[in-house]
Amino acid sequence: LYAATNYGIITVWNVKTNKCFLNWQADLNEIGVLISIKNKLITGSSKGSLKLWNVSSIHRTKQQNEEKSKYKLKTIKYFF
């Protein structure tokens, strides 16, 4: 489960254990839109920026190991 805060932080939750296992600063503004399609995540901020994230490493690592690990996330496209 992906969730966003009004401070621009994305959190990733394991719904089976009800624990947050990852978070990152996705934007400096409130995130009002989250869309997850396969291994991509689209975030939209209150200031109008859209970002497309490749989150495939989250899924691969989570399946291999339930413990918190270091993830490398990067924006693959940035829209204005």
PDB file of N, CA and C in Angstrom:
ATOM      1  N   LEU A   1       0.846  -1.171   0.000  1.00  0.00           N
ATOM      2  CA  LEU A   1       0.000   0.000   0.000  1.00  0.00           C
ATOM      3  C   LEU A   1       0.890   1.232   0.000  1.00  0.00           C
ATOM      4  N   TYR A   2       0.623   2.166  -0.913  1.00  0.00           N
ATOM      5  CA  TYR A   2       1.327   3.442  -0.948  1.00  0.00           C
ATOM      6  C   TYR A   2       0.422   4.495  -0.333  1.00  0.00           C
ATOM      7  N   ALA A   3       1.005   5.361   0.491  1.00  0.00           N
ATOM      8  CA  ALA A   3       0.264   6.474   1.086  1.00  0.00           C
ATOM      9  C   ALA A   3       1.146   7.718   0.996  1.00  0.00           C
ATOM     10  N   ALA A   4       0.499   8.878   0.973  1.00  0.00           N
ATOM     11  CA  ALA A   4       1.247  10.137   0.867  1.00  0.00           C
ATOM     12  C   ALA A   4       0.814  11.092   1.968  1.00  0.00           C
ATOM     13  N   THR A   5       1.722  12.010   2.309  1.00  0.00           N
ATOM     14  CA  THR A   5       1.432  13.001   3.339  1.00  0.00           C
ATOM     15  C   THR A   5       1.328  14.388   2.712  1.00  0.00           C
ATOM     16  N   ASN A   6       0.858  15.327   3.509  1.00  0.00           N
ATOM     17  CA  ASN A   6       0.779  16.707   3.028  1.00  0.00           C
ATOM     18  C   ASN A   6       2.153  17.383   3.062  1.00  0.00           C
ATOM     19  N   TYR A   7       3.189  16.663   3.463  1.00  0.00           N
ATOM     20  CA  TYR A   7       4.563  17.173   3.444  1.00  0.00           C
ATOM     21  C   TYR A   7       5.371  16.579   2.295  1.00  0.00           C
ATOM     22  N   GLY A   8       4.727  15.858   1.384  1.00  0.00           N
ATOM     23  CA  GLY A   8       5.405  15.312   0.214  1.00  0.00           C
ATOM     24  C   GLY A   8       6.117  13.993   0.426  1.00  0.00           C
ATOM     25  N   ILE A   9       5.784  13.297   1.487  1.00  0.00           N
ATOM     26  CA  ILE A   9       6.438  12.019   1.793  1.00  0.00           C
ATOM     27  C   ILE A   9       5.545  10.860   1.354  1.00  0.00           C
ATOM     28  N   ILE A  10       6.154   9.885   0.690  1.00  0.00           N
ATOM     29  CA  ILE A  10       5.463   8.649   0.307  1.00  0.00           C
ATOM     30  C   ILE A  10       5.868   7.574   1.306  1.00  0.00           C
ATOM     31  N   THR A  11       4.891   6.833   1.792  1.00  0.00           N
ATOM     32  CA  THR A  11       5.171   5.706   2.676  1.00  0.00           C
ATOM     33  C   THR A  11       4.661   4.428   2.016  1.00  0.00           C
ATOM     34  N   VAL A  12       5.369   3.334   2.256  1.00  0.00           N
ATOM     35  CA  VAL A  12       4.990   2.031   1.704  1.00  0.00           C
ATOM     36  C   VAL A  12       4.721   1.099   2.874  1.00  0.00           C
ATOM     37  N   TRP A  13       3.525   0.510   2.871  1.00  0.00           N
ATOM     38  CA  TRP A  13       3.063  -0.316   3.985  1.00  0.00           C
ATOM     39  C   TRP A  13       2.877  -1.760   3.568  1.00  0.00           C
ATOM     40  N   ASN A  14       3.223  -2.673   4.477  1.00  0.00           N
ATOM     41  CA  ASN A  14       2.900  -4.086   4.332  1.00  0.00           C
ATOM     42  C   ASN A  14       1.543  -4.269   5.005  1.00  0.00           C
ATOM     43  N   VAL A  15       0.517  -4.555   4.226  1.00  0.00           N
ATOM     44  CA  VAL A  15      -0.832  -4.637   4.790  1.00  0.00           C
ATOM     45  C   VAL A  15      -1.058  -5.916   5.596  1.00  0.00           C
ATOM     46  N   LYS A  16      -0.210  -6.909   5.416  1.00  0.00           N
ATOM     47  CA  LYS A  16      -0.344  -8.131   6.210  1.00  0.00           C
ATOM     48  C   LYS A  16       0.132  -7.928   7.646  1.00  0.00           C
ATOM     49  N   THR A  17       1.198  -7.115   7.799  1.00  0.00           N
ATOM     50  CA  THR A  17       1.751  -6.884   9.136  1.00  0.00           C
ATOM     51  C   THR A  17       1.398  -5.505   9.695  1.00  0.00           C
ATOM     52  N   ASN A  18       0.752  -4.678   8.873  1.00  0.00           N
ATOM     53  CA  ASN A  18       0.399  -3.297   9.258  1.00  0.00           C
ATOM     54  C   ASN A  18       1.616  -2.481   9.677  1.00  0.00           C
ATOM     55  N   LYS A  19       2.723  -2.659   8.934  1.00  0.00           N
ATOM     56  CA  LYS A  19       3.953  -1.933   9.235  1.00  0.00           C
ATOM     57  C   LYS A  19       4.431  -1.170   8.004  1.00  0.00           C
ATOM     58  N   CYS A  20       4.923   0.036   8.265  1.00  0.00           N
ATOM     59  CA  CYS A  20       5.558   0.827   7.213  1.00  0.00           C
ATOM     60  C   CYS A  20       6.994   0.347   7.078  1.00  0.00           C
ATOM     61  N   PHE A  21       7.401  -0.038   5.858  1.00  0.00           N
ATOM     62  CA  PHE A  21       8.763  -0.527   5.691  1.00  0.00           C
ATOM     63  C   PHE A  21       9.625   0.380   4.818  1.00  0.00           C
ATOM     64  N   LEU A  22       9.047   1.478   4.306  1.00  0.00           N
ATOM     65  CA  LEU A  22       9.828   2.397   3.486  1.00  0.00           C
ATOM     66  C   LEU A  22       9.119   3.736   3.400  1.00  0.00           C
ATOM     67  N   ASN A  23       9.900   4.822   3.393  1.00  0.00           N
ATOM     68  CA  ASN A  23       9.345   6.141   3.087  1.00  0.00           C
ATOM     69  C   ASN A  23      10.425   6.982   2.433  1.00  0.00           C
ATOM     70  N   TRP A  24       9.980   7.949   1.620  1.00  0.00           N
ATOM     71  CA  TRP A  24      10.927   8.854   0.975  1.00  0.00           C
ATOM     72  C   TRP A  24      10.248  10.181   0.663  1.00  0.00           C
ATOM     73  N   GLN A  25      11.074  11.217   0.550  1.00  0.00           N
ATOM     74  CA  GLN A  25      10.591  12.553   0.215  1.00  0.00           C
ATOM     75  C   GLN A  25      10.420  12.609  -1.297  1.00  0.00           C
ATOM     76  N   ALA A  26       9.171  12.588  -1.758  1.00  0.00           N
ATOM     77  CA  ALA A  26       8.888  12.566  -3.193  1.00  0.00           C
ATOM     78  C   ALA A  26       8.699  13.966  -3.764  1.00  0.00           C
ATOM     79  N   ASP A  27       8.322  14.913  -2.919  1.00  0.00           N
ATOM     80  CA  ASP A  27       8.059  16.279  -3.373  1.00  0.00           C
ATOM     81  C   ASP A  27       8.169  17.216  -2.183  1.00  0.00           C
ATOM     82  N   LEU A  28       8.283  18.492  -2.448  1.00  0.00           N
ATOM     83  CA  LEU A  28       8.316  19.478  -1.367  1.00  0.00           C
ATOM     84  C   LEU A  28       6.924  19.986  -1.006  1.00  0.00           C
ATOM     85  N   ASN A  29       5.938  19.600  -1.803  1.00  0.00           N
ATOM     86  CA  ASN A  29       4.558  20.043  -1.595  1.00  0.00           C
ATOM     87  C   ASN A  29       3.657  18.858  -1.281  1.00  0.00           C
ATOM     88  N   GLU A  30       2.429  19.156  -0.904  1.00  0.00           N
ATOM     89  CA  GLU A  30       1.442  18.120  -0.603  1.00  0.00           C
ATOM     90  C   GLU A  30       1.206  17.241  -1.828  1.00  0.00           C
ATOM     91  N   ILE A  31       1.157  15.936  -1.619  1.00  0.00           N
ATOM     92  CA  ILE A  31       0.874  14.992  -2.697  1.00  0.00           C
ATOM     93  C   ILE A  31      -0.601  14.620  -2.615  1.00  0.00           C
ATOM     94  N   GLY A  32      -1.309  14.917  -3.683  1.00  0.00           N
ATOM     95  CA  GLY A  32      -2.740  14.666  -3.715  1.00  0.00           C
ATOM     96  C   GLY A  32      -3.141  13.519  -4.612  1.00  0.00           C
ATOM     97  N   VAL A  33      -2.213  13.037  -5.440  1.00  0.00           N
ATOM     98  CA  VAL A  33      -2.523  11.967  -6.382  1.00  0.00           C
ATOM     99  C   VAL A  33      -1.462  10.882  -6.283  1.00  0.00           C
ATOM    100  N   LEU A  34      -1.913   9.653  -6.131  1.00  0.00           N
ATOM    101  CA  LEU A  34      -1.051   8.469  -6.169  1.00  0.00           C
ATOM    102  C   LEU A  34      -1.727   7.439  -7.064  1.00  0.00           C
ATOM    103  N   ILE A  35      -1.031   7.024  -8.085  1.00  0.00           N
ATOM    104  CA  ILE A  35      -1.563   5.988  -8.970  1.00  0.00           C
ATOM    105  C   ILE A  35      -0.477   4.936  -9.141  1.00  0.00           C
ATOM    106  N   SER A  36      -0.809   3.694  -8.850  1.00  0.00           N
ATOM    107  CA  SER A  36       0.142   2.594  -8.978  1.00  0.00           C
ATOM    108  C   SER A  36      -0.325   1.666 -10.095  1.00  0.00           C
ATOM    109  N   ILE A  37       0.562   1.464 -11.078  1.00  0.00           N
ATOM    110  CA  ILE A  37       0.281   0.552 -12.186  1.00  0.00           C
ATOM    111  C   ILE A  37       1.517  -0.321 -12.380  1.00  0.00           C
ATOM    112  N   LYS A  38       1.359  -1.613 -12.103  1.00  0.00           N
ATOM    113  CA  LYS A  38       2.457  -2.583 -12.178  1.00  0.00           C
ATOM    114  C   LYS A  38       3.636  -2.089 -11.367  1.00  0.00           C
ATOM    115  N   ASN A  39       4.779  -1.837 -11.980  1.00  0.00           N
ATOM    116  CA  ASN A  39       5.980  -1.415 -11.261  1.00  0.00           C
ATOM    117  C   ASN A  39       6.238   0.077 -11.369  1.00  0.00           C
ATOM    118  N   LYS A  40       5.185   0.848 -11.594  1.00  0.00           N
ATOM    119  CA  LYS A  40       5.297   2.298 -11.713  1.00  0.00           C
ATOM    120  C   LYS A  40       4.368   2.961 -10.695  1.00  0.00           C
ATOM    121  N   LEU A  41       4.797   4.126 -10.224  1.00  0.00           N
ATOM    122  CA  LEU A  41       3.991   4.920  -9.300  1.00  0.00           C
ATOM    123  C   LEU A  41       3.984   6.347  -9.819  1.00  0.00           C
ATOM    124  N   ILE A  42       2.804   6.918  -9.988  1.00  0.00           N
ATOM    125  CA  ILE A  42       2.665   8.315 -10.411  1.00  0.00           C
ATOM    126  C   ILE A  42       2.246   9.121  -9.199  1.00  0.00           C
ATOM    127  N   THR A  43       2.978  10.207  -8.939  1.00  0.00           N
ATOM    128  CA  THR A  43       2.621  11.115  -7.852  1.00  0.00           C
ATOM    129  C   THR A  43       2.320  12.484  -8.440  1.00  0.00           C
ATOM    130  N   GLY A  44       1.318  13.136  -7.871  1.00  0.00           N
ATOM    131  CA  GLY A  44       0.952  14.481  -8.290  1.00  0.00           C
ATOM    132  C   GLY A  44       0.868  15.390  -7.084  1.00  0.00           C
ATOM    133  N   SER A  45       1.562  16.535  -7.156  1.00  0.00           N
ATOM    134  CA  SER A  45       1.594  17.438  -6.005  1.00  0.00           C
ATOM    135  C   SER A  45       0.565  18.552  -6.154  1.00  0.00           C
ATOM    136  N   SER A  46       0.351  19.270  -5.064  1.00  0.00           N
ATOM    137  CA  SER A  46      -0.605  20.368  -5.053  1.00  0.00           C
ATOM    138  C   SER A  46      -0.143  21.546  -5.910  1.00  0.00           C
ATOM    139  N   LYS A  47       1.131  21.602  -6.232  1.00  0.00           N
ATOM    140  CA  LYS A  47       1.665  22.675  -7.082  1.00  0.00           C
ATOM    141  C   LYS A  47       1.664  22.293  -8.564  1.00  0.00           C
ATOM    142  N   GLY A  48       1.140  21.108  -8.880  1.00  0.00           N
ATOM    143  CA  GLY A  48       0.968  20.722 -10.274  1.00  0.00           C
ATOM    144  C   GLY A  48       2.052  19.858 -10.878  1.00  0.00           C
ATOM    145  N   SER A  49       3.021  19.397 -10.104  1.00  0.00           N
ATOM    146  CA  SER A  49       4.058  18.538 -10.687  1.00  0.00           C
ATOM    147  C   SER A  49       3.626  17.078 -10.630  1.00  0.00           C
ATOM    148  N   LEU A  50       3.892  16.363 -11.704  1.00  0.00           N
ATOM    149  CA  LEU A  50       3.642  14.926 -11.781  1.00  0.00           C
ATOM    150  C   LEU A  50       4.982  14.228 -11.914  1.00  0.00           C
ATOM    151  N   LYS A  51       5.153  13.134 -11.176  1.00  0.00           N
ATOM    152  CA  LYS A  51       6.392  12.363 -11.253  1.00  0.00           C
ATOM    153  C   LYS A  51       6.040  10.898 -11.458  1.00  0.00           C
ATOM    154  N   LEU A  52       6.805  10.244 -12.304  1.00  0.00           N
ATOM    155  CA  LEU A  52       6.648   8.819 -12.560  1.00  0.00           C
ATOM    156  C   LEU A  52       7.842   8.105 -11.950  1.00  0.00           C
ATOM    157  N   TRP A  53       7.571   7.203 -11.009  1.00  0.00           N
ATOM    158  CA  TRP A  53       8.613   6.488 -10.268  1.00  0.00           C
ATOM    159  C   TRP A  53       8.649   5.030 -10.704  1.00  0.00           C
ATOM    160  N   ASN A  54       9.852   4.486 -10.830  1.00  0.00           N
ATOM    161  CA  ASN A  54      10.034   3.059 -11.068  1.00  0.00           C
ATOM    162  C   ASN A  54      10.196   2.413  -9.693  1.00  0.00           C
ATOM    163  N   VAL A  55       9.212   1.638  -9.264  1.00  0.00           N
ATOM    164  CA  VAL A  55       9.229   1.034  -7.926  1.00  0.00           C
ATOM    165  C   VAL A  55       9.429  -0.478  -7.975  1.00  0.00           C
ATOM    166  N   SER A  56       9.959  -0.971  -9.084  1.00  0.00           N
ATOM    167  CA  SER A  56      10.149  -2.421  -9.221  1.00  0.00           C
ATOM    168  C   SER A  56      11.105  -2.970  -8.171  1.00  0.00           C
ATOM    169  N   SER A  57      12.121  -2.203  -7.766  1.00  0.00           N
ATOM    170  CA  SER A  57      13.067  -2.696  -6.762  1.00  0.00           C
ATOM    171  C   SER A  57      12.394  -2.907  -5.406  1.00  0.00           C
ATOM    172  N   ILE A  58      11.364  -2.133  -5.111  1.00  0.00           N
ATOM    173  CA  ILE A  58      10.627  -2.316  -3.857  1.00  0.00           C
ATOM    174  C   ILE A  58       9.956  -3.679  -3.849  1.00  0.00           C
ATOM    175  N   HIS A  59       9.301  -4.025  -4.937  1.00  0.00           N
ATOM    176  CA  HIS A  59       8.583  -5.296  -5.016  1.00  0.00           C
ATOM    177  C   HIS A  59       9.536  -6.482  -4.982  1.00  0.00           C
ATOM    178  N   ARG A  60      10.643  -6.388  -5.721  1.00  0.00           N
ATOM    179  CA  ARG A  60      11.617  -7.496  -5.750  1.00  0.00           C
ATOM    180  C   ARG A  60      12.232  -7.719  -4.378  1.00  0.00           C
ATOM    181  N   THR A  61      12.668  -6.650  -3.752  1.00  0.00           N
ATOM    182  CA  THR A  61      13.329  -6.779  -2.459  1.00  0.00           C
ATOM    183  C   THR A  61      12.360  -7.236  -1.388  1.00  0.00           C
ATOM    184  N   LYS A  62      11.145  -6.717  -1.416  1.00  0.00           N
ATOM    185  CA  LYS A  62      10.159  -7.098  -0.414  1.00  0.00           C
ATOM    186  C   LYS A  62       9.840  -8.584  -0.520  1.00  0.00           C
ATOM    187  N   GLN A  63       9.750  -9.113  -1.723  1.00  0.00           N
ATOM    188  CA  GLN A  63       9.456 -10.526  -1.894  1.00  0.00           C
ATOM    189  C   GLN A  63      10.605 -11.392  -1.381  1.00  0.00           C
ATOM    190  N   GLN A  64      11.833 -10.926  -1.520  1.00  0.00           N
ATOM    191  CA  GLN A  64      12.994 -11.704  -1.083  1.00  0.00           C
ATOM    192  C   GLN A  64      13.221 -11.617   0.421  1.00  0.00           C
ATOM    193  N   ASN A  65      12.924 -10.446   1.004  1.00  0.00           N
ATOM    194  CA  ASN A  65      13.260 -10.219   2.399  1.00  0.00           C
ATOM    195  C   ASN A  65      12.287  -9.228   3.007  1.00  0.00           C
ATOM    196  N   GLU A  66      11.629  -9.582   4.088  1.00  0.00           N
ATOM    197  CA  GLU A  66      10.644  -8.719   4.720  1.00  0.00           C
ATOM    198  C   GLU A  66      11.279  -7.638   5.599  1.00  0.00           C
ATOM    199  N   GLU A  67      12.586  -7.709   5.840  1.00  0.00           N
ATOM    200  CA  GLU A  67      13.245  -6.711   6.668  1.00  0.00           C
ATOM    201  C   GLU A  67      13.492  -5.444   5.866  1.00  0.00           C
ATOM    202  N   LYS A  68      13.648  -4.327   6.586  1.00  0.00           N
ATOM    203  CA  LYS A  68      13.909  -3.051   5.936  1.00  0.00           C
ATOM    204  C   LYS A  68      15.282  -3.085   5.268  1.00  0.00           C
ATOM    205  N   SER A  69      15.336  -2.667   4.018  1.00  0.00           N
ATOM    206  CA  SER A  69      16.568  -2.648   3.247  1.00  0.00           C
ATOM    207  C   SER A  69      16.751  -1.271   2.626  1.00  0.00           C
ATOM    208  N   LYS A  70      17.911  -1.064   2.042  1.00  0.00           N
ATOM    209  CA  LYS A  70      18.159   0.187   1.329  1.00  0.00           C
ATOM    210  C   LYS A  70      17.614   0.058  -0.080  1.00  0.00           C
ATOM    211  N   TYR A  71      16.818   1.024  -0.485  1.00  0.00           N
ATOM    212  CA  TYR A  71      16.225   1.036  -1.806  1.00  0.00           C
ATOM    213  C   TYR A  71      16.763   2.234  -2.570  1.00  0.00           C
ATOM    214  N   LYS A  72      16.926   2.055  -3.858  1.00  0.00           N
ATOM    215  CA  LYS A  72      17.312   3.169  -4.706  1.00  0.00           C
ATOM    216  C   LYS A  72      16.113   3.498  -5.578  1.00  0.00           C
ATOM    217  N   LEU A  73      15.514   4.649  -5.309  1.00  0.00           N
ATOM    218  CA  LEU A  73      14.380   5.109  -6.090  1.00  0.00           C
ATOM    219  C   LEU A  73      14.811   6.313  -6.887  1.00  0.00           C
ATOM    220  N   LYS A  74      14.336   6.382  -8.112  1.00  0.00           N
ATOM    221  CA  LYS A  74      14.622   7.574  -8.873  1.00  0.00           C
ATOM    222  C   LYS A  74      13.427   7.897  -9.748  1.00  0.00           C
ATOM    223  N   THR A  75      13.264   9.173  -9.990  1.00  0.00           N
ATOM    224  CA  THR A  75      12.207   9.630 -10.874  1.00  0.00           C
ATOM    225  C   THR A  75      12.633   9.284 -12.289  1.00  0.00           C
ATOM    226  N   ILE A  76      11.738   8.647 -13.040  1.00  0.00           N
ATOM    227  CA  ILE A  76      12.100   8.323 -14.418  1.00  0.00           C
ATOM    228  C   ILE A  76      11.525   9.337 -15.395  1.00  0.00           C
ATOM    229  N   LYS A  77      10.497  10.073 -14.998  1.00  0.00           N
ATOM    230  CA  LYS A  77       9.969  11.156 -15.829  1.00  0.00           C
ATOM    231  C   LYS A  77       9.444  12.231 -14.905  1.00  0.00           C
ATOM    232  N   TYR A  78       9.547  13.461 -15.343  1.00  0.00           N
ATOM    233  CA  TYR A  78       9.089  14.584 -14.535  1.00  0.00           C
ATOM    234  C   TYR A  78       8.299  15.510 -15.433  1.00  0.00           C
ATOM    235  N   PHE A  79       7.042  15.756 -15.084  1.00  0.00           N
ATOM    236  CA  PHE A  79       6.161  16.577 -15.906  1.00  0.00           C
ATOM    237  C   PHE A  79       5.851  17.890 -15.213  1.00  0.00           C
ATOM    238  N   PHE A  80       5.607  18.926 -15.973  1.00  0.00           N
ATOM    239  CA  PHE A  80       5.173  20.216 -15.416  1.00  0.00           C
ATOM    240  C   PHE A  80       3.800  20.544 -15.935  1.00  0.00           C
TER     241      PHE A  80
END
